[in-house]
Amino acid sequence: YSESHAAFKRYDPERLLFGDRNGFNIPACVVEESIPYVDVISVQPDVGGGDFPGEAFDKLHKLTGKPVIISDWNFSYKPSDFEFTEWFQFPTLSSCMEAYRKYLLAAFSKPYIIGYFKCRYWEEVLTPGKLRQGIRKLNGDLDEGLVKGLSEIHSELIDMFAREGRMSE
């Protein structure tokens, strides 16, 4: 951590340094070692069940005192032509978007969570019958329903941030 921190700060001093993209199973001693050298803690949470793991995030933030970004995170819904998807799968797009909305509203109720990275722009077939679902379908077309749902959720979040004074000009 100290060597990469020094190199980044020497060549790009304005860049934010993220910690390891990890779940909550990384040993605390590794997280503690990174604290002096990272600006943001990056977490790739397990989404089993689809509920936001608030207590785990609170514990990590308490340990580090750093802002947190949710990295490489996604939900999926049952596509018509694949049996399985890579992430926690909901039966319909509508149920997936409702869970996505609930998860992000819970996440951003934590003032230390500063952003998230939704995994997958392009779809990809992992193995026969298993899809890594993305915003763009295998044929390159946008998944219009997914894009519409995400846009509505993001607009709701932006409105929430504006009301709470959490956005800068």
Foldseek 3Di string as FASTA:
>chain_A
DVVVLVVCCVPPVVDFFEDDAEELPDDLVSLLVCQVRGQEYEYAYACVVLAAPVVSVVVSCVSRVHAYEYEAYEEEEDDPQADEEDHHYDPDLVVRLVSVLNNVVVVVVDVSHDYYYHDAAEKDADDGRYIHDHQAYPVRHGPVSNVVSVVVSVVVVVVVCVVVVNDDD
